Amino acid sequence: MSQITVCATIGAERDPEEVRRMVAAEAPGCLVVTASVAAASGLACVEMMAAQTFSARAANTLLARKPEVDLILRLAGTTQISKAVQRVGARKGTPFVVVVATESGEEPSVTWSRVGGRELERKSLTPDELGRIEKAALLDATRG
């Protein structure tokens, strides 16, 4: 199976939890999380971290009980949930991103306009993003 990740930015006027629930209902069986805009500078970076989460789930080595929390931890670069929420948690009144990832090989059917979203662009990874991806991968080793 191949992994597919889509991601969109959402304006500050929307409630992150409400949008997460709406998108999850539209994309059953997918991993759906919301995070601060700073957590997802580009689609390729988010995609790589989602791949790490799926790989950890397959190996039964998630950083948390739920893959959604694992992905948030990786986006934040920490194994502590409270720090992750502080660093990358989506908050009411500020723009945020919605990440939808699946291993089904079929692109999730999400109507971004319904939730006021604009799809994140695919662009080359920056040195900063490469460092974040590496740090996220090393989180597995620190648990050992």
N, C-alpha and C. Protein backbone atom coordinates (compact mmCIF):
# COMPACT_ATOMS: atom_id res chain seq x y z
N MET A 1 0.83 -1.18 0.00
CA MET A 1 0.00 0.00 0.00
C MET A 1 0.88 1.25 0.00
N SER A 2 0.42 2.28 -0.67
CA SER A 2 1.20 3.51 -0.68
C SER A 2 0.51 4.56 0.18
N GLN A 3 1.33 5.36 0.81
CA GLN A 3 0.82 6.40 1.69
C GLN A 3 0.49 7.64 0.88
N ILE A 4 -0.61 8.28 1.23
CA ILE A 4 -0.99 9.55 0.62
C ILE A 4 -1.34 10.51 1.76
N THR A 5 -0.76 11.70 1.69
CA THR A 5 -1.04 12.72 2.69
C THR A 5 -1.50 13.98 1.99
N VAL A 6 -2.57 14.57 2.48
CA VAL A 6 -3.02 15.87 2.01
C VAL A 6 -3.10 16.79 3.23
N CYS A 7 -2.94 18.05 2.98
CA CYS A 7 -2.88 18.99 4.09
C CYS A 7 -3.40 20.33 3.61
N ALA A 8 -4.13 21.03 4.46
CA ALA A 8 -4.66 22.34 4.09
C ALA A 8 -4.55 23.31 5.25
N THR A 9 -4.36 24.57 4.91
CA THR A 9 -4.39 25.61 5.94
C THR A 9 -5.82 26.09 6.09
N ILE A 10 -6.19 26.41 7.32
CA ILE A 10 -7.54 26.85 7.65
C ILE A 10 -7.43 28.19 8.37
N GLY A 11 -8.33 29.09 8.08
CA GLY A 11 -8.31 30.41 8.69
C GLY A 11 -8.65 30.42 10.16
N ALA A 12 -8.29 31.51 10.81
CA ALA A 12 -8.46 31.66 12.26
C ALA A 12 -9.92 31.67 12.69
N GLU A 13 -10.84 31.93 11.76
CA GLU A 13 -12.26 32.03 12.15
C GLU A 13 -12.89 30.66 12.43
N ARG A 14 -12.23 29.58 12.05
CA ARG A 14 -12.78 28.23 12.26
C ARG A 14 -12.26 27.61 13.55
N ASP A 15 -13.05 26.71 14.13
CA ASP A 15 -12.67 25.99 15.34
C ASP A 15 -11.91 24.73 14.93
N PRO A 16 -10.67 24.56 15.40
CA PRO A 16 -9.86 23.40 14.98
C PRO A 16 -10.51 22.04 15.25
N GLU A 17 -11.13 21.89 16.41
CA GLU A 17 -11.74 20.60 16.76
C GLU A 17 -12.96 20.32 15.88
N GLU A 18 -13.74 21.34 15.62
CA GLU A 18 -14.91 21.18 14.75
C GLU A 18 -14.47 20.78 13.33
N VAL A 19 -13.44 21.44 12.83
CA VAL A 19 -12.93 21.12 11.49
C VAL A 19 -12.36 19.70 11.47
N ARG A 20 -11.64 19.32 12.52
CA ARG A 20 -11.08 17.96 12.58
C ARG A 20 -12.18 16.92 12.51
N ARG A 21 -13.25 17.14 13.26
CA ARG A 21 -14.37 16.19 13.25
C ARG A 21 -15.03 16.13 11.87
N MET A 22 -15.22 17.28 11.23
CA MET A 22 -15.85 17.32 9.91
C MET A 22 -15.00 16.57 8.88
N VAL A 23 -13.70 16.83 8.91
CA VAL A 23 -12.80 16.18 7.94
C VAL A 23 -12.72 14.69 8.23
N ALA A 24 -12.65 14.30 9.49
CA ALA A 24 -12.59 12.87 9.84
C ALA A 24 -13.84 12.14 9.36
N ALA A 25 -14.99 12.80 9.43
CA ALA A 25 -16.24 12.19 8.95
C ALA A 25 -16.21 12.04 7.43
N GLU A 26 -15.53 12.96 6.75
CA GLU A 26 -15.44 12.93 5.29
C GLU A 26 -14.39 11.92 4.80
N ALA A 27 -13.44 11.60 5.67
CA ALA A 27 -12.33 10.72 5.30
C ALA A 27 -12.18 9.59 6.32
N PRO A 28 -13.19 8.70 6.39
CA PRO A 28 -13.14 7.61 7.38
C PRO A 28 -11.94 6.70 7.14
N GLY A 29 -11.34 6.24 8.23
CA GLY A 29 -10.19 5.35 8.13
C GLY A 29 -8.87 6.08 7.94
N CYS A 30 -8.92 7.39 7.82
CA CYS A 30 -7.70 8.18 7.65
C CYS A 30 -7.22 8.74 8.98
N LEU A 31 -5.95 9.02 9.05
CA LEU A 31 -5.35 9.71 10.18
C LEU A 31 -5.63 11.20 9.97
N VAL A 32 -6.33 11.84 10.92
CA VAL A 32 -6.68 13.25 10.77
C VAL A 32 -6.25 13.99 12.04
N VAL A 33 -5.40 15.00 11.86
CA VAL A 33 -4.96 15.83 12.99
C VAL A 33 -4.98 17.30 12.58
N THR A 34 -5.10 18.16 13.59
CA THR A 34 -4.95 19.59 13.37
C THR A 34 -3.71 20.04 14.14
N ALA A 35 -3.04 21.05 13.61
CA ALA A 35 -1.83 21.58 14.25
C ALA A 35 -1.65 23.03 13.85
N SER A 36 -0.78 23.72 14.56
CA SER A 36 -0.51 25.11 14.22
C SER A 36 0.12 25.18 12.84
N VAL A 37 -0.02 26.31 12.19
CA VAL A 37 0.55 26.50 10.87
C VAL A 37 2.07 26.30 10.91
N ALA A 38 2.71 26.69 11.98
CA ALA A 38 4.15 26.56 12.11
C ALA A 38 4.61 25.10 12.05
N ALA A 39 3.72 24.17 12.39
CA ALA A 39 4.07 22.74 12.40
C ALA A 39 4.20 22.16 11.01
N ALA A 40 3.61 22.82 10.03
CA ALA A 40 3.54 22.25 8.68
C ALA A 40 3.91 23.30 7.64
N SER A 41 5.19 23.53 7.46
CA SER A 41 5.61 24.54 6.49
C SER A 41 5.41 24.10 5.05
N GLY A 42 5.47 22.79 4.81
CA GLY A 42 5.27 22.27 3.47
C GLY A 42 4.74 20.85 3.50
N LEU A 43 4.08 20.46 2.44
CA LEU A 43 3.46 19.14 2.38
C LEU A 43 4.49 18.02 2.48
N ALA A 44 5.63 18.16 1.84
CA ALA A 44 6.63 17.09 1.84
C ALA A 44 7.12 16.77 3.25
N CYS A 45 7.30 17.79 4.07
CA CYS A 45 7.74 17.58 5.45
C CYS A 45 6.69 16.82 6.24
N VAL A 46 5.44 17.23 6.13
CA VAL A 46 4.34 16.56 6.84
C VAL A 46 4.20 15.12 6.35
N GLU A 47 4.35 14.94 5.06
CA GLU A 47 4.26 13.61 4.45
C GLU A 47 5.31 12.66 5.04
N MET A 48 6.52 13.15 5.17
CA MET A 48 7.61 12.32 5.72
C MET A 48 7.32 11.93 7.17
N MET A 49 6.80 12.87 7.95
CA MET A 49 6.50 12.56 9.35
C MET A 49 5.30 11.61 9.46
N ALA A 50 4.34 11.75 8.58
CA ALA A 50 3.21 10.80 8.56
C ALA A 50 3.72 9.41 8.20
N ALA A 51 4.68 9.34 7.29
CA ALA A 51 5.26 8.04 6.92
C ALA A 51 5.96 7.42 8.12
N GLN A 52 6.63 8.23 8.91
CA GLN A 52 7.27 7.72 10.13
C GLN A 52 6.22 7.16 11.09
N THR A 53 5.10 7.84 11.20
CA THR A 53 4.02 7.37 12.08
C THR A 53 3.47 6.03 11.58
N PHE A 54 3.22 5.92 10.28
CA PHE A 54 2.71 4.67 9.73
C PHE A 54 3.72 3.54 9.92
N SER A 55 4.99 3.83 9.73
CA SER A 55 6.04 2.83 9.91
C SER A 55 6.10 2.37 11.37
N ALA A 56 6.00 3.33 12.29
CA ALA A 56 6.02 2.99 13.72
C ALA A 56 4.79 2.17 14.11
N ARG A 57 3.65 2.50 13.52
CA ARG A 57 2.44 1.71 13.81
C ARG A 57 2.62 0.27 13.35
N ALA A 58 3.18 0.09 12.16
CA ALA A 58 3.40 -1.26 11.61
C ALA A 58 4.38 -2.05 12.48
N ALA A 59 5.35 -1.36 13.06
CA ALA A 59 6.36 -2.02 13.90
C ALA A 59 5.95 -2.06 15.37
N ASN A 60 4.75 -1.54 15.67
CA ASN A 60 4.25 -1.47 17.04
C ASN A 60 5.19 -0.67 17.94
N THR A 61 5.70 0.45 17.41
CA THR A 61 6.61 1.31 18.16
C THR A 61 6.16 2.77 18.17
N LEU A 62 4.86 2.99 18.15
CA LEU A 62 4.35 4.37 18.19
C LEU A 62 4.87 5.08 19.44
N LEU A 63 5.02 6.38 19.34
CA LEU A 63 5.45 7.19 20.47
C LEU A 63 4.33 7.37 21.49
N ALA A 64 3.10 7.08 21.10
CA ALA A 64 1.92 7.21 21.96
C ALA A 64 0.96 6.08 21.60
N ARG A 65 -0.12 5.94 22.34
CA ARG A 65 -1.08 4.88 22.06
C ARG A 65 -1.78 5.06 20.72
N LYS A 66 -2.05 6.32 20.35
CA LYS A 66 -2.79 6.61 19.13
C LYS A 66 -1.86 7.19 18.06
N PRO A 67 -2.05 6.79 16.80
CA PRO A 67 -1.20 7.34 15.74
C PRO A 67 -1.37 8.85 15.58
N GLU A 68 -2.56 9.39 15.88
CA GLU A 68 -2.78 10.83 15.78
C GLU A 68 -1.85 11.58 16.74
N VAL A 69 -1.71 11.05 17.95
CA VAL A 69 -0.83 11.68 18.94
C VAL A 69 0.63 11.50 18.53
N ASP A 70 0.97 10.33 17.99
CA ASP A 70 2.32 10.09 17.49
C ASP A 70 2.71 11.15 16.46
N LEU A 71 1.82 11.43 15.52
CA LEU A 71 2.12 12.42 14.48
C LEU A 71 2.30 13.81 15.08
N ILE A 72 1.47 14.19 16.03
CA ILE A 72 1.63 15.50 16.69
C ILE A 72 2.98 15.56 17.40
N LEU A 73 3.36 14.49 18.08
CA LEU A 73 4.66 14.46 18.75
C LEU A 73 5.80 14.64 17.75
N ARG A 74 5.70 13.97 16.62
CA ARG A 74 6.74 14.10 15.59
C ARG A 74 6.77 15.51 15.01
N LEU A 75 5.62 16.09 14.75
CA LEU A 75 5.56 17.46 14.24
C LEU A 75 6.20 18.44 15.23
N ALA A 76 6.05 18.16 16.52
CA ALA A 76 6.60 19.03 17.56
C ALA A 76 8.05 18.72 17.89
N GLY A 77 8.52 17.54 17.51
CA GLY A 77 9.89 17.15 17.82
C GLY A 77 10.13 16.82 19.28
N THR A 78 9.14 16.19 19.91
CA THR A 78 9.25 15.84 21.32
C THR A 78 8.49 14.56 21.60
N THR A 79 8.80 13.92 22.72
CA THR A 79 8.04 12.75 23.14
C THR A 79 7.06 13.09 24.27
N GLN A 80 7.02 14.34 24.65
CA GLN A 80 6.14 14.77 25.74
C GLN A 80 4.89 15.45 25.16
N ILE A 81 3.75 14.87 25.48
CA ILE A 81 2.49 15.36 24.93
C ILE A 81 2.24 16.82 25.30
N SER A 82 2.48 17.19 26.55
CA SER A 82 2.22 18.58 26.97
C SER A 82 3.08 19.57 26.18
N LYS A 83 4.34 19.22 25.94
CA LYS A 83 5.21 20.09 25.14
C LYS A 83 4.73 20.15 23.70
N ALA A 84 4.29 19.02 23.17
CA ALA A 84 3.81 18.97 21.79
C ALA A 84 2.59 19.87 21.61
N VAL A 85 1.66 19.80 22.53
CA VAL A 85 0.45 20.64 22.46
C VAL A 85 0.84 22.11 22.56
N GLN A 86 1.78 22.42 23.44
CA GLN A 86 2.24 23.80 23.60
C GLN A 86 2.92 24.30 22.32
N ARG A 87 3.75 23.46 21.69
CA ARG A 87 4.51 23.86 20.51
C ARG A 87 3.67 23.91 19.23
N VAL A 88 2.86 22.89 18.99
CA VAL A 88 2.19 22.78 17.68
C VAL A 88 0.68 22.57 17.77
N GLY A 89 0.12 22.69 18.94
CA GLY A 89 -1.32 22.49 19.07
C GLY A 89 -2.12 23.56 18.34
N ALA A 90 -3.18 23.15 17.66
CA ALA A 90 -4.08 24.10 16.98
C ALA A 90 -4.91 24.80 18.04
N ARG A 91 -5.04 26.11 17.92
CA ARG A 91 -5.79 26.89 18.90
C ARG A 91 -6.88 27.71 18.21
N LYS A 92 -7.99 27.86 18.92
CA LYS A 92 -9.06 28.72 18.41
C LYS A 92 -8.51 30.13 18.22
N GLY A 93 -8.95 30.77 17.14
CA GLY A 93 -8.56 32.15 16.91
C GLY A 93 -7.25 32.34 16.17
N THR A 94 -6.59 31.25 15.80
CA THR A 94 -5.35 31.35 15.02
C THR A 94 -5.44 30.39 13.84
N PRO A 95 -4.79 30.73 12.72
CA PRO A 95 -4.80 29.81 11.58
C PRO A 95 -4.16 28.47 11.98
N PHE A 96 -4.59 27.41 11.32
CA PHE A 96 -4.05 26.08 11.63
C PHE A 96 -4.07 25.23 10.37
N VAL A 97 -3.49 24.06 10.46
CA VAL A 97 -3.51 23.12 9.34
C VAL A 97 -4.28 21.87 9.74
N VAL A 98 -4.84 21.22 8.74
CA VAL A 98 -5.46 19.91 8.91
C VAL A 98 -4.64 18.94 8.07
N VAL A 99 -4.20 17.86 8.70
CA VAL A 99 -3.43 16.83 8.00
C VAL A 99 -4.32 15.60 7.88
N VAL A 100 -4.42 15.06 6.68
CA VAL A 100 -5.18 13.83 6.43
C VAL A 100 -4.22 12.86 5.75
N ALA A 101 -3.97 11.73 6.38
CA ALA A 101 -3.03 10.76 5.83
C ALA A 101 -3.67 9.38 5.80
N THR A 102 -3.35 8.61 4.78
CA THR A 102 -3.88 7.26 4.63
C THR A 102 -2.84 6.36 3.99
N GLU A 103 -2.97 5.09 4.26
CA GLU A 103 -2.11 4.08 3.63
C GLU A 103 -2.89 3.28 2.58
N SER A 104 -4.12 3.68 2.31
CA SER A 104 -4.99 2.92 1.42
C SER A 104 -4.56 2.98 -0.04
N GLY A 105 -3.74 3.98 -0.39
CA GLY A 105 -3.35 4.16 -1.78
C GLY A 105 -4.32 5.02 -2.57
N GLU A 106 -5.45 5.36 -1.95
CA GLU A 106 -6.43 6.22 -2.60
C GLU A 106 -6.43 7.58 -1.91
N GLU A 107 -6.42 8.63 -2.72
CA GLU A 107 -6.40 9.97 -2.15
C GLU A 107 -7.66 10.21 -1.34
N PRO A 108 -7.50 10.72 -0.11
CA PRO A 108 -8.67 11.01 0.70
C PRO A 108 -9.58 12.02 0.01
N SER A 109 -10.87 11.78 0.10
CA SER A 109 -11.86 12.66 -0.53
C SER A 109 -12.27 13.74 0.47
N VAL A 110 -11.57 14.86 0.41
CA VAL A 110 -11.85 15.95 1.34
C VAL A 110 -12.22 17.19 0.53
N THR A 111 -13.34 17.80 0.87
CA THR A 111 -13.78 19.03 0.22
C THR A 111 -13.28 20.20 1.05
N TRP A 112 -12.08 20.68 0.72
CA TRP A 112 -11.45 21.72 1.52
C TRP A 112 -12.29 22.99 1.58
N SER A 113 -12.98 23.31 0.51
CA SER A 113 -13.79 24.54 0.50
C SER A 113 -14.89 24.49 1.56
N ARG A 114 -15.34 23.30 1.89
CA ARG A 114 -16.39 23.13 2.90
C ARG A 114 -15.93 23.59 4.29
N VAL A 115 -14.62 23.47 4.54
CA VAL A 115 -14.08 23.88 5.84
C VAL A 115 -13.23 25.14 5.73
N GLY A 116 -13.27 25.79 4.57
CA GLY A 116 -12.52 27.03 4.39
C GLY A 116 -11.04 26.83 4.25
N GLY A 117 -10.64 25.69 3.68
CA GLY A 117 -9.22 25.38 3.60
C GLY A 117 -8.59 25.64 2.25
N ARG A 118 -7.28 25.81 2.27
CA ARG A 118 -6.49 25.96 1.05
C ARG A 118 -5.37 24.92 1.12
N GLU A 119 -5.32 24.04 0.13
CA GLU A 119 -4.37 22.94 0.16
C GLU A 119 -2.93 23.43 0.22
N LEU A 120 -2.14 22.78 1.04
CA LEU A 120 -0.72 23.10 1.19
C LEU A 120 0.02 22.69 -0.08
N GLU A 121 0.96 23.51 -0.49
CA GLU A 121 1.71 23.25 -1.71
C GLU A 121 2.83 22.24 -1.48
N ARG A 122 3.13 21.51 -2.55
CA ARG A 122 4.28 20.61 -2.52
C ARG A 122 5.47 21.41 -3.02
N LYS A 123 6.51 21.47 -2.20
CA LYS A 123 7.73 22.17 -2.58
C LYS A 123 8.93 21.40 -2.05
N SER A 124 10.09 21.76 -2.52
CA SER A 124 11.31 21.08 -2.08
C SER A 124 11.51 21.29 -0.58
N LEU A 125 12.08 20.27 0.05
CA LEU A 125 12.36 20.36 1.48
C LEU A 125 13.49 21.35 1.73
N THR A 126 13.32 22.15 2.77
CA THR A 126 14.36 23.10 3.16
C THR A 126 15.31 22.39 4.13
N PRO A 127 16.50 22.94 4.35
CA PRO A 127 17.41 22.35 5.35
C PRO A 127 16.76 22.26 6.74
N ASP A 128 15.96 23.26 7.11
CA ASP A 128 15.27 23.24 8.40
C ASP A 128 14.29 22.06 8.47
N GLU A 129 13.53 21.86 7.39
CA GLU A 129 12.57 20.75 7.35
C GLU A 129 13.29 19.41 7.41
N LEU A 130 14.40 19.28 6.71
CA LEU A 130 15.17 18.03 6.76
C LEU A 130 15.63 17.75 8.19
N GLY A 131 16.04 18.79 8.89
CA GLY A 131 16.44 18.63 10.29
C GLY A 131 15.28 18.21 11.17
N ARG A 132 14.10 18.78 10.93
CA ARG A 132 12.92 18.40 11.70
C ARG A 132 12.53 16.95 11.45
N ILE A 133 12.64 16.52 10.19
CA ILE A 133 12.31 15.13 9.84
C ILE A 133 13.28 14.18 10.53
N GLU A 134 14.56 14.53 10.51
CA GLU A 134 15.57 13.70 11.17
C GLU A 134 15.31 13.64 12.67
N LYS A 135 15.01 14.78 13.28
CA LYS A 135 14.73 14.81 14.71
C LYS A 135 13.51 13.94 15.04
N ALA A 136 12.48 14.02 14.19
CA ALA A 136 11.27 13.21 14.41
C ALA A 136 11.60 11.72 14.33
N ALA A 137 12.47 11.34 13.41
CA ALA A 137 12.86 9.93 13.28
C ALA A 137 13.65 9.47 14.49
N LEU A 138 14.47 10.35 15.03
CA LEU A 138 15.30 10.00 16.18
C LEU A 138 14.50 9.89 17.48
N LEU A 139 13.27 10.39 17.48
CA LEU A 139 12.43 10.26 18.68
C LEU A 139 12.23 8.79 19.04
N ASP A 140 12.16 7.92 18.02
CA ASP A 140 12.01 6.49 18.27
C ASP A 140 13.18 5.96 19.07
N ALA A 141 14.39 6.42 18.75
CA ALA A 141 15.59 5.94 19.42
C ALA A 141 15.65 6.41 20.87
N THR A 142 15.13 7.58 21.16
CA THR A 142 15.19 8.10 22.52
C THR A 142 14.24 7.37 23.46
N ARG A 143 13.28 6.67 22.91
CA ARG A 143 12.33 5.92 23.74
C ARG A 143 12.93 4.63 24.24
N GLY A 144 13.84 4.04 23.41
CA GLY A 144 14.43 2.73 23.62
C GLY A 144 14.80 2.40 24.99
